[in-house]
PDB file of N, CA and C in Angstrom:
ATOM      1  N   MET A   1       0.840  -1.181   0.000  1.00  0.00           N
ATOM      2  CA  MET A   1       0.000   0.000   0.000  1.00  0.00           C
ATOM      3  C   MET A   1       0.884   1.242   0.000  1.00  0.00           C
ATOM      4  N   ARG A   2       0.413   2.246  -0.707  1.00  0.00           N
ATOM      5  CA  ARG A   2       1.179   3.490  -0.819  1.00  0.00           C
ATOM      6  C   ARG A   2       0.263   4.684  -0.549  1.00  0.00           C
ATOM      7  N   LEU A   3       0.792   5.637   0.211  1.00  0.00           N
ATOM      8  CA  LEU A   3       0.103   6.889   0.485  1.00  0.00           C
ATOM      9  C   LEU A   3       0.981   8.029  -0.006  1.00  0.00           C
ATOM     10  N   THR A   4       0.494   8.766  -0.981  1.00  0.00           N
ATOM     11  CA  THR A   4       1.218   9.926  -1.490  1.00  0.00           C
ATOM     12  C   THR A   4       0.708  11.168  -0.771  1.00  0.00           C
ATOM     13  N   ILE A   5       1.630  11.918  -0.209  1.00  0.00           N
ATOM     14  CA  ILE A   5       1.300  13.201   0.400  1.00  0.00           C
ATOM     15  C   ILE A   5       1.440  14.233  -0.712  1.00  0.00           C
ATOM     16  N   THR A   6       0.347  14.888  -1.081  1.00  0.00           N
ATOM     17  CA  THR A   6       0.369  15.794  -2.233  1.00  0.00           C
ATOM     18  C   THR A   6       1.154  17.066  -1.930  1.00  0.00           C
ATOM     19  N   GLU A   7       1.517  17.764  -3.003  1.00  0.00           N
ATOM     20  CA  GLU A   7       2.241  19.030  -2.861  1.00  0.00           C
ATOM     21  C   GLU A   7       1.434  20.041  -2.048  1.00  0.00           C
ATOM     22  N   ALA A   8       0.111  20.040  -2.213  1.00  0.00           N
ATOM     23  CA  ALA A   8      -0.732  20.971  -1.457  1.00  0.00           C
ATOM     24  C   ALA A   8      -0.594  20.738   0.048  1.00  0.00           C
ATOM     25  N   VAL A   9      -0.513  19.480   0.456  1.00  0.00           N
ATOM     26  CA  VAL A   9      -0.340  19.156   1.878  1.00  0.00           C
ATOM     27  C   VAL A   9       1.071  19.509   2.324  1.00  0.00           C
ATOM     28  N   LEU A  10       2.054  19.184   1.501  1.00  0.00           N
ATOM     29  CA  LEU A  10       3.437  19.482   1.871  1.00  0.00           C
ATOM     30  C   LEU A  10       3.674  20.981   2.028  1.00  0.00           C
ATOM     31  N   GLU A  11       2.989  21.788   1.235  1.00  0.00           N
ATOM     32  CA  GLU A  11       3.106  23.244   1.387  1.00  0.00           C
ATOM     33  C   GLU A  11       2.611  23.691   2.758  1.00  0.00           C
ATOM     34  N   LYS A  12       1.576  23.031   3.257  1.00  0.00           N
ATOM     35  CA  LYS A  12       1.006  23.389   4.563  1.00  0.00           C
ATOM     36  C   LYS A  12       1.811  22.794   5.721  1.00  0.00           C
ATOM     37  N   LEU A  13       2.307  21.564   5.543  1.00  0.00           N
ATOM     38  CA  LEU A  13       2.916  20.825   6.656  1.00  0.00           C
ATOM     39  C   LEU A  13       4.397  20.559   6.506  1.00  0.00           C
ATOM     40  N   GLY A  14       4.975  20.945   5.387  1.00  0.00           N
ATOM     41  CA  GLY A  14       6.342  20.567   5.068  1.00  0.00           C
ATOM     42  C   GLY A  14       7.345  20.715   6.184  1.00  0.00           C
ATOM     43  N   GLU A  15       7.339  21.825   6.886  1.00  0.00           N
ATOM     44  CA  GLU A  15       8.334  22.050   7.937  1.00  0.00           C
ATOM     45  C   GLU A  15       8.075  21.188   9.172  1.00  0.00           C
ATOM     46  N   LYS A  16       6.862  20.684   9.327  1.00  0.00           N
ATOM     47  CA  LYS A  16       6.538  19.834  10.478  1.00  0.00           C
ATOM     48  C   LYS A  16       6.938  18.383  10.251  1.00  0.00           C
ATOM     49  N   ILE A  17       7.023  17.982   8.987  1.00  0.00           N
ATOM     50  CA  ILE A  17       7.420  16.610   8.666  1.00  0.00           C
ATOM     51  C   ILE A  17       8.939  16.592   8.555  1.00  0.00           C
ATOM     52  N   THR A  18       9.584  16.301   9.664  1.00  0.00           N
ATOM     53  CA  THR A  18      11.043  16.292   9.739  1.00  0.00           C
ATOM     54  C   THR A  18      11.558  14.862   9.677  1.00  0.00           C
ATOM     55  N   PRO A  19      12.843  14.670   9.367  1.00  0.00           N
ATOM     56  CA  PRO A  19      13.391  13.309   9.282  1.00  0.00           C
ATOM     57  C   PRO A  19      13.281  12.512  10.585  1.00  0.00           C
ATOM     58  N   ASP A  20      13.263  13.183  11.730  1.00  0.00           N
ATOM     59  CA  ASP A  20      13.189  12.451  13.000  1.00  0.00           C
ATOM     60  C   ASP A  20      11.755  12.239  13.490  1.00  0.00           C
ATOM     61  N   ALA A  21      10.765  12.713  12.752  1.00  0.00           N
ATOM     62  CA  ALA A  21       9.365  12.536  13.155  1.00  0.00           C
ATOM     63  C   ALA A  21       8.846  11.188  12.666  1.00  0.00           C
ATOM     64  N   ALA A  22       8.046  10.545  13.504  1.00  0.00           N
ATOM     65  CA  ALA A  22       7.347   9.321  13.113  1.00  0.00           C
ATOM     66  C   ALA A  22       5.971   9.731  12.598  1.00  0.00           C
ATOM     67  N   LEU A  23       5.528   9.090  11.522  1.00  0.00           N
ATOM     68  CA  LEU A  23       4.261   9.439  10.883  1.00  0.00           C
ATOM     69  C   LEU A  23       3.292   8.277  10.999  1.00  0.00           C
ATOM     70  N   TYR A  24       2.037   8.600  11.311  1.00  0.00           N
ATOM     71  CA  TYR A  24       1.006   7.582  11.468  1.00  0.00           C
ATOM     72  C   TYR A  24      -0.282   8.050  10.812  1.00  0.00           C
ATOM     73  N   LEU A  25      -0.971   7.124  10.144  1.00  0.00           N
ATOM     74  CA  LEU A  25      -2.327   7.361   9.675  1.00  0.00           C
ATOM     75  C   LEU A  25      -3.212   6.597  10.645  1.00  0.00           C
ATOM     76  N   ASP A  26      -3.871   7.320  11.520  1.00  0.00           N
ATOM     77  CA  ASP A  26      -4.604   6.728  12.634  1.00  0.00           C
ATOM     78  C   ASP A  26      -6.085   6.639  12.332  1.00  0.00           C
ATOM     79  N   PHE A  27      -6.601   5.418  12.301  1.00  0.00           N
ATOM     80  CA  PHE A  27      -8.039   5.193  12.203  1.00  0.00           C
ATOM     81  C   PHE A  27      -8.606   5.346  13.613  1.00  0.00           C
ATOM     82  N   ILE A  28      -9.528   6.270  13.790  1.00  0.00           N
ATOM     83  CA  ILE A  28     -10.074   6.557  15.123  1.00  0.00           C
ATOM     84  C   ILE A  28     -11.117   5.499  15.462  1.00  0.00           C
ATOM     85  N   ASP A  29     -10.700   4.564  16.318  1.00  0.00           N
ATOM     86  CA  ASP A  29     -11.572   3.439  16.656  1.00  0.00           C
ATOM     87  C   ASP A  29     -11.626   3.139  18.153  1.00  0.00           C
ATOM     88  N   GLY A  30     -11.189   4.064  18.969  1.00  0.00           N
ATOM     89  CA  GLY A  30     -11.291   3.870  20.406  1.00  0.00           C
ATOM     90  C   GLY A  30      -9.996   3.501  21.094  1.00  0.00           C
ATOM     91  N   ASP A  31      -8.988   3.049  20.346  1.00  0.00           N
ATOM     92  CA  ASP A  31      -7.704   2.726  20.979  1.00  0.00           C
ATOM     93  C   ASP A  31      -6.569   3.588  20.431  1.00  0.00           C
ATOM     94  N   SER A  32      -6.921   4.762  19.967  1.00  0.00           N
ATOM     95  CA  SER A  32      -5.934   5.681  19.404  1.00  0.00           C
ATOM     96  C   SER A  32      -5.226   6.460  20.510  1.00  0.00           C
ATOM     97  N   PRO A  33      -3.898   6.455  20.524  1.00  0.00           N
ATOM     98  CA  PRO A  33      -3.178   7.184  21.564  1.00  0.00           C
ATOM     99  C   PRO A  33      -3.375   8.695  21.447  1.00  0.00           C
ATOM    100  N   GLY A  34      -3.624   9.318  22.577  1.00  0.00           N
ATOM    101  CA  GLY A  34      -3.733  10.767  22.611  1.00  0.00           C
ATOM    102  C   GLY A  34      -5.020  11.344  22.066  1.00  0.00           C
ATOM    103  N   TYR A  35      -5.983  10.506  21.684  1.00  0.00           N
ATOM    104  CA  TYR A  35      -7.228  11.035  21.124  1.00  0.00           C
ATOM    105  C   TYR A  35      -8.117  11.540  22.248  1.00  0.00           C
ATOM    106  N   GLN A  36      -8.532  12.795  22.169  1.00  0.00           N
ATOM    107  CA  GLN A  36      -9.321  13.426  23.224  1.00  0.00           C
ATOM    108  C   GLN A  36     -10.807  13.542  22.881  1.00  0.00           C
ATOM    109  N   GLY A  37     -11.177  13.235  21.667  1.00  0.00           N
ATOM    110  CA  GLY A  37     -12.571  13.385  21.263  1.00  0.00           C
ATOM    111  C   GLY A  37     -13.434  12.244  21.768  1.00  0.00           C
ATOM    112  N   ALA A  38     -14.714  12.406  21.606  1.00  0.00           N
ATOM    113  CA  ALA A  38     -15.661  11.375  22.011  1.00  0.00           C
ATOM    114  C   ALA A  38     -15.764  10.324  20.916  1.00  0.00           C
ATOM    115  N   ILE A  39     -15.872   9.093  21.320  1.00  0.00           N
ATOM    116  CA  ILE A  39     -16.083   7.992  20.383  1.00  0.00           C
ATOM    117  C   ILE A  39     -17.570   7.670  20.413  1.00  0.00           C
ATOM    118  N   SER A  40     -18.192   7.647  19.263  1.00  0.00           N
ATOM    119  CA  SER A  40     -19.611   7.338  19.208  1.00  0.00           C
ATOM    120  C   SER A  40     -19.878   6.425  18.026  1.00  0.00           C
ATOM    121  N   CYS A  41     -21.051   5.903  17.988  1.00  0.00           N
ATOM    122  CA  CYS A  41     -21.456   5.054  16.878  1.00  0.00           C
ATOM    123  C   CYS A  41     -21.699   5.949  15.663  1.00  0.00           C
ATOM    124  N   THR A  42     -21.012   5.647  14.583  1.00  0.00           N
ATOM    125  CA  THR A  42     -21.141   6.473  13.389  1.00  0.00           C
ATOM    126  C   THR A  42     -20.881   5.625  12.152  1.00  0.00           C
ATOM    127  N   LEU A  43     -21.386   6.054  11.046  1.00  0.00           N
ATOM    128  CA  LEU A  43     -21.114   5.381   9.782  1.00  0.00           C
ATOM    129  C   LEU A  43     -19.956   6.029   9.044  1.00  0.00           C
ATOM    130  N   ALA A  44     -19.463   7.134   9.556  1.00  0.00           N
ATOM    131  CA  ALA A  44     -18.354   7.843   8.924  1.00  0.00           C
ATOM    132  C   ALA A  44     -17.027   7.185   9.291  1.00  0.00           C
ATOM    133  N   VAL A  45     -16.107   7.190   8.352  1.00  0.00           N
ATOM    134  CA  VAL A  45     -14.753   6.702   8.596  1.00  0.00           C
ATOM    135  C   VAL A  45     -13.906   7.906   8.968  1.00  0.00           C
ATOM    136  N   ALA A  46     -13.246   7.838  10.123  1.00  0.00           N
ATOM    137  CA  ALA A  46     -12.489   8.988  10.614  1.00  0.00           C
ATOM    138  C   ALA A  46     -11.019   8.617  10.796  1.00  0.00           C
ATOM    139  N   PHE A  47     -10.149   9.455  10.244  1.00  0.00           N
ATOM    140  CA  PHE A  47      -8.706   9.260  10.359  1.00  0.00           C
ATOM    141  C   PHE A  47      -8.055  10.529  10.881  1.00  0.00           C
ATOM    142  N   ARG A  48      -6.878  10.349  11.500  1.00  0.00           N
ATOM    143  CA  ARG A  48      -5.992  11.455  11.857  1.00  0.00           C
ATOM    144  C   ARG A  48      -4.633  11.146  11.239  1.00  0.00           C
ATOM    145  N   PHE A  49      -3.934  12.177  10.819  1.00  0.00           N
ATOM    146  CA  PHE A  49      -2.550  12.042  10.373  1.00  0.00           C
ATOM    147  C   PHE A  49      -1.701  12.590  11.506  1.00  0.00           C
ATOM    148  N   LEU A  50      -0.916  11.714  12.127  1.00  0.00           N
ATOM    149  CA  LEU A  50      -0.133  12.084  13.297  1.00  0.00           C
ATOM    150  C   LEU A  50       1.326  12.292  12.926  1.00  0.00           C
ATOM    151  N   ILE A  51       1.878  13.394  13.380  1.00  0.00           N
ATOM    152  CA  ILE A  51       3.299  13.694  13.228  1.00  0.00           C
ATOM    153  C   ILE A  51       3.860  13.703  14.647  1.00  0.00           C
ATOM    154  N   VAL A  52       4.650  12.689  14.975  1.00  0.00           N
ATOM    155  CA  VAL A  52       5.080  12.478  16.357  1.00  0.00           C
ATOM    156  C   VAL A  52       6.589  12.618  16.448  1.00  0.00           C
ATOM    157  N   THR A  53       7.033  13.554  17.268  1.00  0.00           N
ATOM    158  CA  THR A  53       8.471  13.709  17.474  1.00  0.00           C
ATOM    159  C   THR A  53       8.973  12.583  18.368  1.00  0.00           C
ATOM    160  N   GLU A  54      10.239  12.282  18.225  1.00  0.00           N
ATOM    161  CA  GLU A  54      10.845  11.140  18.902  1.00  0.00           C
ATOM    162  C   GLU A  54      10.614  11.153  20.412  1.00  0.00           C
ATOM    163  N   ASP A  55      10.641  12.313  21.020  1.00  0.00           N
ATOM    164  CA  ASP A  55      10.480  12.390  22.474  1.00  0.00           C
ATOM    165  C   ASP A  55       9.043  12.173  22.938  1.00  0.00           C
ATOM    166  N   LYS A  56       8.089  12.122  22.018  1.00  0.00           N
ATOM    167  CA  LYS A  56       6.686  11.900  22.381  1.00  0.00           C
ATOM    168  C   LYS A  56       6.226  10.464  22.124  1.00  0.00           C
ATOM    169  N   GLU A  57       7.105   9.607  21.611  1.00  0.00           N
ATOM    170  CA  GLU A  57       6.730   8.218  21.346  1.00  0.00           C
ATOM    171  C   GLU A  57       6.269   7.556  22.643  1.00  0.00           C
ATOM    172  N   GLN A  58       5.222   6.751  22.544  1.00  0.00           N
ATOM    173  CA  GLN A  58       4.658   6.044  23.687  1.00  0.00           C
ATOM    174  C   GLN A  58       4.486   4.580  23.319  1.00  0.00           C
ATOM    175  N   PRO A  59       4.366   3.697  24.330  1.00  0.00           N
ATOM    176  CA  PRO A  59       4.097   2.290  24.019  1.00  0.00           C
ATOM    177  C   PRO A  59       2.836   2.104  23.179  1.00  0.00           C
ATOM    178  N   ALA A  60       1.862   3.014  23.305  1.00  0.00           N
ATOM    179  CA  ALA A  60       0.621   2.895  22.539  1.00  0.00           C
ATOM    180  C   ALA A  60       0.869   2.938  21.035  1.00  0.00           C
ATOM    181  N   PHE A  61       1.969   3.551  20.607  1.00  0.00           N
ATOM    182  CA  PHE A  61       2.263   3.615  19.178  1.00  0.00           C
ATOM    183  C   PHE A  61       2.738   2.269  18.628  1.00  0.00           C
ATOM    184  N   ASP A  62       2.936   1.299  19.496  1.00  0.00           N
ATOM    185  CA  ASP A  62       3.276  -0.051  19.043  1.00  0.00           C
ATOM    186  C   ASP A  62       2.127  -0.690  18.268  1.00  0.00           C
ATOM    187  N   LEU A  63       0.934  -0.122  18.357  1.00  0.00           N
ATOM    188  CA  LEU A  63      -0.222  -0.625  17.601  1.00  0.00           C
ATOM    189  C   LEU A  63      -0.029  -0.493  16.091  1.00  0.00           C
ATOM    190  N   TYR A  64       0.844   0.402  15.669  1.00  0.00           N
ATOM    191  CA  TYR A  64       0.990   0.749  14.253  1.00  0.00           C
ATOM    192  C   TYR A  64       2.107  -0.069  13.608  1.00  0.00           C
ATOM    193  N   GLN A  65       1.964  -1.386  13.619  1.00  0.00           N
ATOM    194  CA  GLN A  65       3.000  -2.274  13.101  1.00  0.00           C
ATOM    195  C   GLN A  65       3.012  -2.360  11.577  1.00  0.00           C
ATOM    196  N   THR A  66       1.886  -2.127  10.939  1.00  0.00           N
ATOM    197  CA  THR A  66       1.808  -2.185   9.480  1.00  0.00           C
ATOM    198  C   THR A  66       2.313  -0.859   8.918  1.00  0.00           C
ATOM    199  N   LYS A  67       3.104  -0.932   7.857  1.00  0.00           N
ATOM    200  CA  LYS A  67       3.710   0.278   7.286  1.00  0.00           C
ATOM    201  C   LYS A  67       3.218   0.512   5.863  1.00  0.00           C
ATOM    202  N   LEU A  68       2.886   1.764   5.590  1.00  0.00           N
ATOM    203  CA  LEU A  68       2.594   2.208   4.230  1.00  0.00           C
ATOM    204  C   LEU A  68       3.848   2.870   3.687  1.00  0.00           C
ATOM    205  N   THR A  69       4.110   2.704   2.411  1.00  0.00           N
ATOM    206  CA  THR A  69       5.193   3.466   1.797  1.00  0.00           C
ATOM    207  C   THR A  69       4.619   4.821   1.383  1.00  0.00           C
ATOM    208  N   SER A  70       5.477   5.830   1.357  1.00  0.00           N
ATOM    209  CA  SER A  70       5.015   7.154   0.942  1.00  0.00           C
ATOM    210  C   SER A  70       6.190   7.952   0.406  1.00  0.00           C
ATOM    211  N   ASN A  71       5.885   9.110  -0.122  1.00  0.00           N
ATOM    212  CA  ASN A  71       6.920   9.999  -0.638  1.00  0.00           C
ATOM    213  C   ASN A  71       7.628  10.770   0.474  1.00  0.00           C
ATOM    214  N   VAL A  72       7.226  10.577   1.727  1.00  0.00           N
ATOM    215  CA  VAL A  72       7.894  11.228   2.861  1.00  0.00           C
ATOM    216  C   VAL A  72       8.419  10.205   3.872  1.00  0.00           C
ATOM    217  N   GLY A  73       8.477   8.942   3.495  1.00  0.00           N
ATOM    218  CA  GLY A  73       8.955   7.890   4.389  1.00  0.00           C
ATOM    219  C   GLY A  73       7.821   6.958   4.787  1.00  0.00           C
ATOM    220  N   GLU A  74       8.141   6.006   5.670  1.00  0.00           N
ATOM    221  CA  GLU A  74       7.132   5.046   6.110  1.00  0.00           C
ATOM    222  C   GLU A  74       6.089   5.717   6.995  1.00  0.00           C
ATOM    223  N   ILE A  75       4.848   5.236   6.857  1.00  0.00           N
ATOM    224  CA  ILE A  75       3.741   5.729   7.668  1.00  0.00           C
ATOM    225  C   ILE A  75       3.097   4.520   8.330  1.00  0.00           C
ATOM    226  N   GLY A  76       3.039   4.544   9.653  1.00  0.00           N
ATOM    227  CA  GLY A  76       2.463   3.428  10.393  1.00  0.00           C
ATOM    228  C   GLY A  76       0.943   3.478  10.408  1.00  0.00           C
ATOM    229  N   VAL A  77       0.328   2.292  10.320  1.00  0.00           N
ATOM    230  CA  VAL A  77      -1.125   2.156  10.454  1.00  0.00           C
ATOM    231  C   VAL A  77      -1.415   0.934  11.307  1.00  0.00           C
ATOM    232  N   LYS A  78      -2.588   0.916  11.909  1.00  0.00           N
ATOM    233  CA  LYS A  78      -3.036  -0.258  12.657  1.00  0.00           C
ATOM    234  C   LYS A  78      -3.562  -1.283  11.654  1.00  0.00           C
ATOM    235  N   ALA A  79      -3.286  -2.546  11.899  1.00  0.00           N
ATOM    236  CA  ALA A  79      -3.756  -3.606  11.002  1.00  0.00           C
ATOM    237  C   ALA A  79      -5.274  -3.579  10.873  1.00  0.00           C
ATOM    238  N   SER A  80      -5.965  -3.191  11.931  1.00  0.00           N
ATOM    239  CA  SER A  80      -7.430  -3.159  11.902  1.00  0.00           C
ATOM    240  C   SER A  80      -7.984  -2.106  10.942  1.00  0.00           C
ATOM    241  N   SER A  81      -7.161  -1.153  10.528  1.00  0.00           N
ATOM    242  CA  SER A  81      -7.648  -0.101   9.625  1.00  0.00           C
ATOM    243  C   SER A  81      -7.481  -0.456   8.152  1.00  0.00           C
ATOM    244  N   LEU A  82      -6.789  -1.537   7.848  1.00  0.00           N
ATOM    245  CA  LEU A  82      -6.499  -1.871   6.449  1.00  0.00           C
ATOM    246  C   LEU A  82      -7.754  -2.063   5.611  1.00  0.00           C
ATOM    247  N   ARG A  83      -8.827  -2.518   6.208  1.00  0.00           N
ATOM    248  CA  ARG A  83     -10.068  -2.751   5.445  1.00  0.00           C
ATOM    249  C   ARG A  83     -10.661  -1.456   4.880  1.00  0.00           C
ATOM    250  N   TYR A  84     -10.260  -0.315   5.434  1.00  0.00           N
ATOM    251  CA  TYR A  84     -10.776   0.973   4.981  1.00  0.00           C
ATOM    252  C   TYR A  84      -9.851   1.662   3.980  1.00  0.00           C
ATOM    253  N   LEU A  85      -8.724   1.036   3.683  1.00  0.00           N
ATOM    254  CA  LEU A  85      -7.711   1.648   2.831  1.00  0.00           C
ATOM    255  C   LEU A  85      -7.658   0.973   1.472  1.00  0.00           C
ATOM    256  N   GLU A  86      -6.980   1.615   0.530  1.00  0.00           N
ATOM    257  CA  GLU A  86      -6.795   1.073  -0.814  1.00  0.00           C
ATOM    258  C   GLU A  86      -5.305   0.969  -1.113  1.00  0.00           C
ATOM    259  N   ASP A  87      -4.963   0.269  -2.174  1.00  0.00           N
ATOM    260  CA  ASP A  87      -3.549   0.079  -2.521  1.00  0.00           C
ATOM    261  C   ASP A  87      -2.845   1.393  -2.832  1.00  0.00           C
ATOM    262  N   GLU A  88      -3.504   2.299  -3.528  1.00  0.00           N
ATOM    263  CA  GLU A  88      -2.943   3.610  -3.883  1.00  0.00           C
ATOM    264  C   GLU A  88      -3.833   4.696  -3.299  1.00  0.00           C
ATOM    265  N   MET A  89      -3.255   5.529  -2.438  1.00  0.00           N
ATOM    266  CA  MET A  89      -4.027   6.594  -1.789  1.00  0.00           C
ATOM    267  C   MET A  89      -3.256   7.904  -1.824  1.00  0.00           C
ATOM    268  N   ARG A  90      -3.995   9.001  -1.570  1.00  0.00           N
ATOM    269  CA  ARG A  90      -3.401  10.334  -1.501  1.00  0.00           C
ATOM    270  C   ARG A  90      -3.977  11.065  -0.297  1.00  0.00           C
ATOM    271  N   LEU A  91      -3.106  11.749   0.423  1.00  0.00           N
ATOM    272  CA  LEU A  91      -3.567  12.714   1.418  1.00  0.00           C
ATOM    273  C   LEU A  91      -3.489  14.057   0.719  1.00  0.00           C
ATOM    274  N   ASP A  92      -4.638  14.698   0.547  1.00  0.00           N
ATOM    275  CA  ASP A  92      -4.719  15.919  -0.248  1.00  0.00           C
ATOM    276  C   ASP A  92      -5.369  17.026   0.577  1.00  0.00           C
ATOM    277  N   PHE A  93      -5.214  18.248   0.108  1.00  0.00           N
ATOM    278  CA  PHE A  93      -5.822  19.408   0.755  1.00  0.00           C
ATOM    279  C   PHE A  93      -6.822  20.021  -0.201  1.00  0.00           C
ATOM    280  N   ASN A  94      -8.042  20.247   0.273  1.00  0.00           N
ATOM    281  CA  ASN A  94      -9.083  20.872  -0.530  1.00  0.00           C
ATOM    282  C   ASN A  94      -9.202  22.335  -0.095  1.00  0.00           C
ATOM    283  N   PRO A  95      -8.727  23.281  -0.902  1.00  0.00           N
ATOM    284  CA  PRO A  95      -8.742  24.687  -0.491  1.00  0.00           C
ATOM    285  C   PRO A  95     -10.145  25.284  -0.387  1.00  0.00           C
ATOM    286  N   SER A  96     -11.113  24.735  -1.094  1.00  0.00           N
ATOM    287  CA  SER A  96     -12.465  25.309  -1.028  1.00  0.00           C
ATOM    288  C   SER A  96     -13.173  24.956   0.281  1.00  0.00           C
ATOM    289  N   THR A  97     -12.846  23.818   0.868  1.00  0.00           N
ATOM    290  CA  THR A  97     -13.445  23.442   2.157  1.00  0.00           C
ATOM    291  C   THR A  97     -12.442  23.539   3.297  1.00  0.00           C
ATOM    292  N   TYR A  98     -11.190  23.827   2.965  1.00  0.00           N
ATOM    293  CA  TYR A  98     -10.088  23.912   3.922  1.00  0.00           C
ATOM    294  C   TYR A  98      -9.992  22.629   4.753  1.00  0.00           C
ATOM    295  N   ARG A  99     -10.055  21.491   4.063  1.00  0.00           N
ATOM    296  CA  ARG A  99      -9.983  20.188   4.714  1.00  0.00           C
ATOM    297  C   ARG A  99      -8.903  19.332   4.075  1.00  0.00           C
ATOM    298  N   TYR A 100      -8.301  18.520   4.908  1.00  0.00           N
ATOM    299  CA  TYR A 100      -7.409  17.472   4.421  1.00  0.00           C
ATOM    300  C   TYR A 100      -8.279  16.252   4.161  1.00  0.00           C
ATOM    301  N   GLN A 101      -8.065  15.608   3.011  1.00  0.00           N
ATOM    302  CA  GLN A 101      -8.889  14.471   2.626  1.00  0.00           C
ATOM    303  C   GLN A 101      -8.013  13.288   2.245  1.00  0.00           C
ATOM    304  N   LEU A 102      -8.472  12.101   2.621  1.00  0.00           N
ATOM    305  CA  LEU A 102      -7.826  10.863   2.215  1.00  0.00           C
ATOM    306  C   LEU A 102      -8.584  10.345   1.003  1.00  0.00           C
ATOM    307  N   LYS A 103      -7.862  10.198  -0.111  1.00  0.00           N
ATOM    308  CA  LYS A 103      -8.490   9.787  -1.362  1.00  0.00           C
ATOM    309  C   LYS A 103      -7.845   8.513  -1.881  1.00  0.00           C
ATOM    310  N   GLY A 104      -8.660   7.706  -2.546  1.00  0.00           N
ATOM    311  CA  GLY A 104      -8.174   6.505  -3.212  1.00  0.00           C
ATOM    312  C   GLY A 104      -8.681   6.488  -4.634  1.00  0.00           C
ATOM    313  N   ASP A 105      -8.400   5.409  -5.345  1.00  0.00           N
ATOM    314  CA  ASP A 105      -8.869   5.302  -6.726  1.00  0.00           C
ATOM    315  C   ASP A 105     -10.395   5.279  -6.805  1.00  0.00           C
ATOM    316  N   SER A 106     -11.059   4.845  -5.735  1.00  0.00           N
ATOM    317  CA  SER A 106     -12.522   4.778  -5.745  1.00  0.00           C
ATOM    318  C   SER A 106     -13.181   6.103  -5.365  1.00  0.00           C
ATOM    319  N   GLY A 107     -12.384   7.079  -4.907  1.00  0.00           N
ATOM    320  CA  GLY A 107     -12.938   8.371  -4.504  1.00  0.00           C
ATOM    321  C   GLY A 107     -12.430   8.785  -3.135  1.00  0.00           C
ATOM    322  N   ILE A 108     -13.219   9.571  -2.429  1.00  0.00           N
ATOM    323  CA  ILE A 108     -12.829  10.065  -1.109  1.00  0.00           C
ATOM    324  C   ILE A 108     -13.070   8.974  -0.067  1.00  0.00           C
ATOM    325  N   LEU A 109     -12.008   8.610   0.651  1.00  0.00           N
ATOM    326  CA  LEU A 109     -12.108   7.598   1.702  1.00  0.00           C
ATOM    327  C   LEU A 109     -12.451   8.229   3.048  1.00  0.00           C
ATOM    328  N   ALA A 110     -11.935   9.417   3.298  1.00  0.00           N
ATOM    329  CA  ALA A 110     -12.240  10.170   4.520  1.00  0.00           C
ATOM    330  C   ALA A 110     -12.254  11.647   4.152  1.00  0.00           C
ATOM    331  N   ASP A 111     -13.373  12.298   4.406  1.00  0.00           N
ATOM    332  CA  ASP A 111     -13.580  13.673   3.958  1.00  0.00           C
ATOM    333  C   ASP A 111     -12.860  14.711   4.808  1.00  0.00           C
ATOM    334  N   GLN A 112     -12.554  14.376   6.044  1.00  0.00           N
ATOM    335  CA  GLN A 112     -11.900  15.344   6.922  1.00  0.00           C
ATOM    336  C   GLN A 112     -10.884  14.614   7.799  1.00  0.00           C
ATOM    337  N   VAL A 113      -9.634  14.683   7.405  1.00  0.00           N
ATOM    338  CA  VAL A 113      -8.551  14.051   8.158  1.00  0.00           C
ATOM    339  C   VAL A 113      -7.918  15.114   9.045  1.00  0.00           C
ATOM    340  N   ALA A 114      -7.953  14.874  10.340  1.00  0.00           N
ATOM    341  CA  ALA A 114      -7.326  15.812  11.276  1.00  0.00           C
ATOM    342  C   ALA A 114      -5.813  15.636  11.213  1.00  0.00           C
ATOM    343  N   ILE A 115      -5.085  16.734  11.289  1.00  0.00           N
ATOM    344  CA  ILE A 115      -3.623  16.707  11.341  1.00  0.00           C
ATOM    345  C   ILE A 115      -3.229  17.072  12.764  1.00  0.00           C
ATOM    346  N   GLU A 116      -2.466  16.188  13.408  1.00  0.00           N
ATOM    347  CA  GLU A 116      -2.056  16.454  14.784  1.00  0.00           C
ATOM    348  C   GLU A 116      -0.556  16.267  14.922  1.00  0.00           C
ATOM    349  N   CYS A 117       0.073  17.257  15.513  1.00  0.00           N
ATOM    350  CA  CYS A 117       1.496  17.183  15.825  1.00  0.00           C
ATOM    351  C   CYS A 117       1.622  16.905  17.314  1.00  0.00           C
ATOM    352  N   MET A 118       2.374  15.894  17.629  1.00  0.00           N
ATOM    353  CA  MET A 118       2.554  15.515  19.045  1.00  0.00           C
ATOM    354  C   MET A 118       4.010  15.624  19.418  1.00  0.00           C
TER     355      MET A 118
END
């Protein structure tokens, strides 16, 4: 599986994605480290893109054993989230809605991906 971070996203986040940062595509399913929001029953698929500096790594990040290849290095994902992903994906920025979106060949996989720096 491959996740391409588009130029539009890199323009917004480029300086935050450093060589020593660990990157994760987090499917919000109740066992996400550091998630402060409420978990409720929903039909929407919700993801966060986490940029974690080395000093913030926690044992909870051991959940992200599966790796996606990308144009900015490996991105960890939980094995349980693979069913929601496609072989070729893009993290893109939509300037008209000011949202980060996860897209695949079939269309939009997640309409609003939160970006969190830890």
